[in-house]
Amino acid sequence: MNPLITSLRKLARNNGYDIVKYKSTGELLALHQVDLVLDIGANDGGYACEIRAAGWAKRIVSIEPQPKTFSRLSSRFSTDPLWQGLNIGLGRSDDTLKMNVYEMDVLSSFLDKIEGNAVVDQIDVPVKRLDGIWDGILGTSKKPFVKIDTQGFEMEIIEGLGARVGDVIGWQLELSVEPLYKKQPAMEDVIGKMRAMGYSLWKILPGLRDPATHRAFEFDGIFFKNT
C-alpha cells in the first residue's frame, strides 16, 4: 500500500475515522452484471449522465413525470441510442394524481412537504402501475437495476411492480433520517421492507444535509438481491 495512504489512515483512525476506497456505482452495476438501469424520477437526466461518465454503456430508461423537466431530459437522451425516456408518473394504481411542484423542482412530489420550499404549481400527472408497462421496458434484459428518486413516493412505486418485483437485481432508493414529506416512510421502514423482499443493503451514498450543522437528512441506499 502507498505509504502516504497508510499514514493518512493511521491518522484518521487515531481520531475515530477510517478511510476506505469504495466502488463507484458504475463498478457495482458491472459487478452484478446489470443490463438495464431504470431511472425513475430522472429529473433532467443527471443520474444517467453520471453512470455514463463512470463507464456504464448499457441500456437506460428514464421516467420523469413533469413535462417541462422531461423536455430538458429528452434533449440529453435524444443523442444516445441506448437511452430512452417516458413522460409518466408511477404508483400503486393506474390513476391521475396531483403533483406539487416546488421552487426547487428536484423536490417536487405527489406528497406534501412538511416544511419549507413553497409550492409554485400543481399539475395533473397520469400515473401507471409499473407492472403494466414492465415487459415493454424490460425487453430482452435479464438483470435490471431500478433507481427511484421520487421524494417519498418510492414504496408506492415498488408496490406497483407487484409480483414482478423479483425480476429486479438491485435498487437505489432514498433513505430519510427524518421524513421531509407527509406520509414519507422512515429509513428503518424502507430498509426493513427491502430485507423482507429479499434484498440486502450494499452501500450508502451521502445525500441531503444541513450545511450549517452537517446533520444528515437523507442518504441513498443501494440494495442487491440476496443470493
Protein backbone atom coordinates (compact mmCIF):
# COMPACT_ATOMS: atom_id res chain seq x y z
CA MET A 1 0.00 0.00 0.00
CA ASN A 2 1.11 3.58 -0.68
CA PRO A 3 2.95 4.86 2.46
CA LEU A 4 1.05 8.16 2.27
CA ILE A 5 -2.31 6.32 2.32
CA THR A 6 -1.09 4.20 5.25
CA SER A 7 -0.13 7.33 7.22
CA LEU A 8 -3.42 9.06 6.44
CA ARG A 9 -5.44 6.00 7.52
CA LYS A 10 -3.47 5.78 10.78
CA LEU A 11 -4.06 9.48 11.49
CA ALA A 12 -7.77 9.13 10.70
CA ARG A 13 -8.20 6.04 12.91
CA ASN A 14 -6.47 7.81 15.82
CA ASN A 15 -9.22 10.41 15.56
CA GLY A 16 -12.10 7.97 15.28
CA TYR A 17 -12.45 7.81 11.48
CA ASP A 18 -11.45 5.48 8.69
CA ILE A 19 -10.56 5.97 5.03
CA VAL A 20 -11.96 3.28 2.74
CA LYS A 21 -11.89 3.02 -1.05
CA TYR A 22 -15.43 2.31 -2.27
CA LYS A 23 -16.50 1.00 -5.64
CA SER A 24 -18.38 3.53 -7.75
CA THR A 25 -21.99 2.84 -8.68
CA GLY A 26 -20.81 2.07 -12.22
CA GLU A 27 -18.45 -0.61 -10.90
CA LEU A 28 -21.26 -2.13 -8.81
CA LEU A 29 -23.52 -2.31 -11.87
CA ALA A 30 -20.78 -4.15 -13.74
CA LEU A 31 -20.03 -6.42 -10.77
CA HIS A 32 -23.67 -7.57 -10.64
CA GLN A 33 -23.92 -7.87 -14.44
CA VAL A 34 -26.73 -5.33 -14.67
CA ASP A 35 -28.01 -4.98 -18.24
CA LEU A 36 -30.65 -2.25 -17.76
CA VAL A 37 -30.94 0.78 -15.47
CA LEU A 38 -34.45 2.10 -14.90
CA ASP A 39 -34.10 5.67 -13.63
CA ILE A 40 -37.42 6.66 -12.01
CA GLY A 41 -37.73 10.32 -11.07
CA ALA A 42 -34.99 11.13 -13.53
CA ASN A 43 -35.39 14.92 -13.44
CA ASP A 44 -33.12 16.26 -16.22
CA GLY A 45 -31.01 13.10 -16.51
CA GLY A 46 -28.20 13.87 -14.10
CA TYR A 47 -28.03 10.32 -12.72
CA ALA A 48 -27.88 8.74 -16.16
CA CYS A 49 -25.11 11.13 -17.18
CA GLU A 50 -23.16 10.20 -14.03
CA ILE A 51 -23.26 6.46 -14.70
CA ARG A 52 -22.41 7.06 -18.37
CA ALA A 53 -19.39 9.09 -17.24
CA ALA A 54 -18.45 6.20 -14.93
CA GLY A 55 -18.22 3.97 -17.99
CA TRP A 56 -21.56 2.14 -17.90
CA ALA A 57 -22.65 1.82 -21.54
CA LYS A 58 -25.76 -0.38 -21.49
CA ARG A 59 -29.48 0.49 -21.67
CA ILE A 60 -31.07 3.25 -19.59
CA VAL A 61 -34.79 4.04 -19.38
CA SER A 62 -35.53 7.34 -17.62
CA ILE A 63 -39.00 8.14 -16.28
CA GLU A 64 -39.91 11.75 -15.43
CA PRO A 65 -43.50 13.00 -14.90
CA GLN A 66 -43.02 16.78 -15.17
CA PRO A 67 -43.44 17.89 -18.82
CA LYS A 68 -41.05 20.86 -18.60
CA THR A 69 -38.38 18.80 -16.88
CA PHE A 70 -38.91 15.93 -19.33
CA SER A 71 -38.19 18.35 -22.18
CA ARG A 72 -34.73 19.01 -20.71
CA LEU A 73 -34.25 15.29 -20.14
CA SER A 74 -35.19 14.41 -23.73
CA SER A 75 -32.59 16.82 -25.10
CA ARG A 76 -29.98 14.67 -23.34
CA PHE A 77 -31.15 11.18 -24.25
CA SER A 78 -32.01 12.05 -27.87
CA THR A 79 -28.38 11.59 -28.95
CA ASP A 80 -27.88 8.29 -27.07
CA PRO A 81 -29.35 5.24 -28.86
CA LEU A 82 -29.29 3.15 -25.66
CA TRP A 83 -31.09 5.75 -23.52
CA GLN A 84 -34.83 6.38 -23.77
CA GLY A 85 -37.39 8.24 -21.68
CA LEU A 86 -41.05 8.12 -20.65
CA ASN A 87 -43.06 11.16 -19.57
CA ILE A 88 -45.34 9.49 -16.99
CA GLY A 89 -45.68 9.00 -13.25
CA LEU A 90 -45.65 5.66 -11.43
CA GLY A 91 -47.61 4.49 -8.40
CA ARG A 92 -49.55 1.64 -6.83
CA SER A 93 -52.52 2.06 -9.21
CA ASP A 94 -53.37 3.49 -12.63
CA ASP A 95 -54.72 6.95 -11.88
CA THR A 96 -54.27 10.69 -12.32
CA LEU A 97 -52.58 12.38 -9.35
CA LYS A 98 -51.76 15.98 -8.49
CA MET A 99 -48.06 16.69 -8.21
CA ASN A 100 -46.78 19.53 -6.05
CA VAL A 101 -44.16 21.49 -7.99
CA TYR A 102 -41.83 23.27 -5.58
CA GLU A 103 -39.48 26.21 -6.08
CA MET A 104 -36.66 23.68 -6.41
CA ASP A 105 -38.15 21.32 -8.97
CA VAL A 106 -35.99 18.40 -7.80
CA LEU A 107 -38.13 18.44 -4.61
CA SER A 108 -41.43 18.09 -6.49
CA SER A 109 -43.57 15.22 -5.22
CA PHE A 110 -47.02 13.69 -5.05
CA LEU A 111 -46.65 14.18 -1.28
CA ASP A 112 -46.88 17.40 0.74
CA LYS A 113 -43.66 18.74 2.21
CA ILE A 114 -43.61 19.04 6.00
CA GLU A 115 -41.99 22.48 5.94
CA GLY A 116 -40.03 24.88 3.74
CA ASN A 117 -39.94 25.41 -0.04
CA ALA A 118 -43.20 26.82 -1.35
CA VAL A 119 -45.46 25.06 -3.85
CA VAL A 120 -45.38 27.12 -7.06
CA ASP A 121 -47.70 24.94 -9.13
CA GLN A 122 -49.80 21.78 -9.13
CA ILE A 123 -50.03 19.61 -12.21
CA ASP A 124 -52.16 16.59 -13.08
CA VAL A 125 -49.95 13.60 -13.83
CA PRO A 126 -51.05 10.32 -15.46
CA VAL A 127 -49.81 7.51 -13.21
CA LYS A 128 -49.29 3.88 -14.19
CA ARG A 129 -48.51 0.72 -12.26
CA LEU A 130 -45.01 -0.37 -13.17
CA ASP A 131 -46.05 -4.00 -13.74
CA GLY A 132 -48.40 -2.81 -16.51
CA ILE A 133 -45.51 -1.45 -18.60
CA TRP A 134 -42.75 -3.68 -17.24
CA ASP A 135 -42.37 -6.08 -20.16
CA GLY A 136 -42.09 -3.20 -22.63
CA ILE A 137 -39.36 -1.58 -20.53
CA LEU A 138 -37.53 -4.83 -19.83
CA GLY A 139 -37.28 -6.06 -23.41
CA THR A 140 -34.57 -8.72 -23.50
CA SER A 141 -32.91 -7.53 -20.28
CA LYS A 142 -32.44 -10.14 -17.55
CA LYS A 143 -30.83 -8.16 -14.72
CA PRO A 144 -32.50 -4.75 -14.31
CA PHE A 145 -31.41 -2.25 -11.66
CA VAL A 146 -34.02 0.28 -10.53
CA LYS A 147 -33.11 3.70 -9.13
CA ILE A 148 -36.04 5.61 -7.60
CA ASP A 149 -35.78 9.27 -6.58
CA THR A 150 -39.38 10.37 -6.12
CA GLN A 151 -39.35 12.35 -2.87
CA GLY A 152 -41.11 9.96 -0.52
CA PHE A 153 -43.12 8.01 -3.11
CA GLU A 154 -40.66 5.14 -3.54
CA MET A 155 -42.63 2.38 -1.79
CA GLU A 156 -45.79 3.21 -3.76
CA ILE A 157 -43.84 2.60 -6.96
CA ILE A 158 -42.37 -0.67 -5.71
CA GLU A 159 -45.86 -1.87 -4.74
CA GLY A 160 -46.92 -1.08 -8.31
CA LEU A 161 -44.45 -3.66 -9.61
CA GLY A 162 -46.45 -6.39 -7.86
CA ALA A 163 -45.30 -9.96 -8.40
CA ARG A 164 -42.60 -8.81 -10.86
CA VAL A 165 -40.53 -7.28 -8.07
CA GLY A 166 -38.29 -10.33 -8.02
CA ASP A 167 -37.14 -9.56 -11.57
CA VAL A 168 -35.04 -6.70 -10.17
CA ILE A 169 -31.46 -7.50 -9.19
CA GLY A 170 -30.82 -4.21 -7.39
CA TRP A 171 -32.29 -0.92 -6.23
CA GLN A 172 -31.12 2.57 -5.37
CA LEU A 173 -33.57 4.32 -3.02
CA GLU A 174 -33.74 7.46 -0.90
CA LEU A 175 -33.48 6.80 2.84
CA SER A 176 -34.80 9.58 5.06
CA VAL A 177 -33.38 10.03 8.55
CA GLU A 178 -36.24 12.42 9.27
CA PRO A 179 -39.22 12.48 6.88
CA LEU A 180 -39.28 15.63 4.72
CA TYR A 181 -42.75 14.87 3.33
CA LYS A 182 -46.03 13.88 4.95
CA LYS A 183 -46.59 10.09 4.81
CA GLN A 184 -42.97 9.50 3.77
CA PRO A 185 -41.65 6.22 5.22
CA ALA A 186 -38.71 6.39 7.61
CA MET A 187 -35.32 4.97 6.70
CA GLU A 188 -35.75 1.98 9.03
CA ASP A 189 -39.09 1.07 7.43
CA VAL A 190 -37.65 1.14 3.90
CA ILE A 191 -34.65 -1.00 4.88
CA GLY A 192 -36.96 -3.46 6.67
CA LYS A 193 -39.25 -3.69 3.65
CA MET A 194 -36.32 -4.35 1.32
CA ARG A 195 -34.98 -7.06 3.62
CA ALA A 196 -38.41 -8.71 3.69
CA MET A 197 -38.38 -8.68 -0.12
CA GLY A 198 -35.01 -10.46 -0.19
CA TYR A 199 -32.57 -7.57 -0.73
CA SER A 200 -29.57 -6.56 1.38
CA LEU A 201 -28.26 -3.04 1.91
CA TRP A 202 -25.00 -2.98 -0.05
CA LYS A 203 -23.84 0.62 0.09
CA ILE A 204 -24.92 4.02 1.45
CA LEU A 205 -24.26 7.19 -0.53
CA PRO A 206 -24.24 10.67 1.07
CA GLY A 207 -27.29 12.82 0.39
CA LEU A 208 -29.05 15.91 1.68
CA ARG A 209 -27.61 17.54 4.80
CA ASP A 210 -27.78 20.80 6.71
CA PRO A 211 -24.67 22.79 5.65
CA ALA A 212 -24.64 24.71 8.94
CA THR A 213 -24.86 21.76 11.35
CA HIS A 214 -23.72 18.95 8.99
CA ARG A 215 -26.73 16.92 10.14
CA ALA A 216 -27.78 14.35 7.52
CA PHE A 217 -31.41 14.33 6.38
CA GLU A 218 -31.22 11.77 3.58
CA PHE A 219 -28.97 9.09 2.16
CA ASP A 220 -29.22 6.92 -0.92
CA GLY A 221 -29.21 3.20 -0.20
CA ILE A 222 -28.09 0.65 -2.79
CA PHE A 223 -29.62 -2.81 -2.35
CA PHE A 224 -28.88 -6.06 -4.16
CA LYS A 225 -30.79 -9.33 -4.22
CA ASN A 226 -29.67 -12.00 -1.77
CA THR A 227 -28.09 -14.98 -3.50
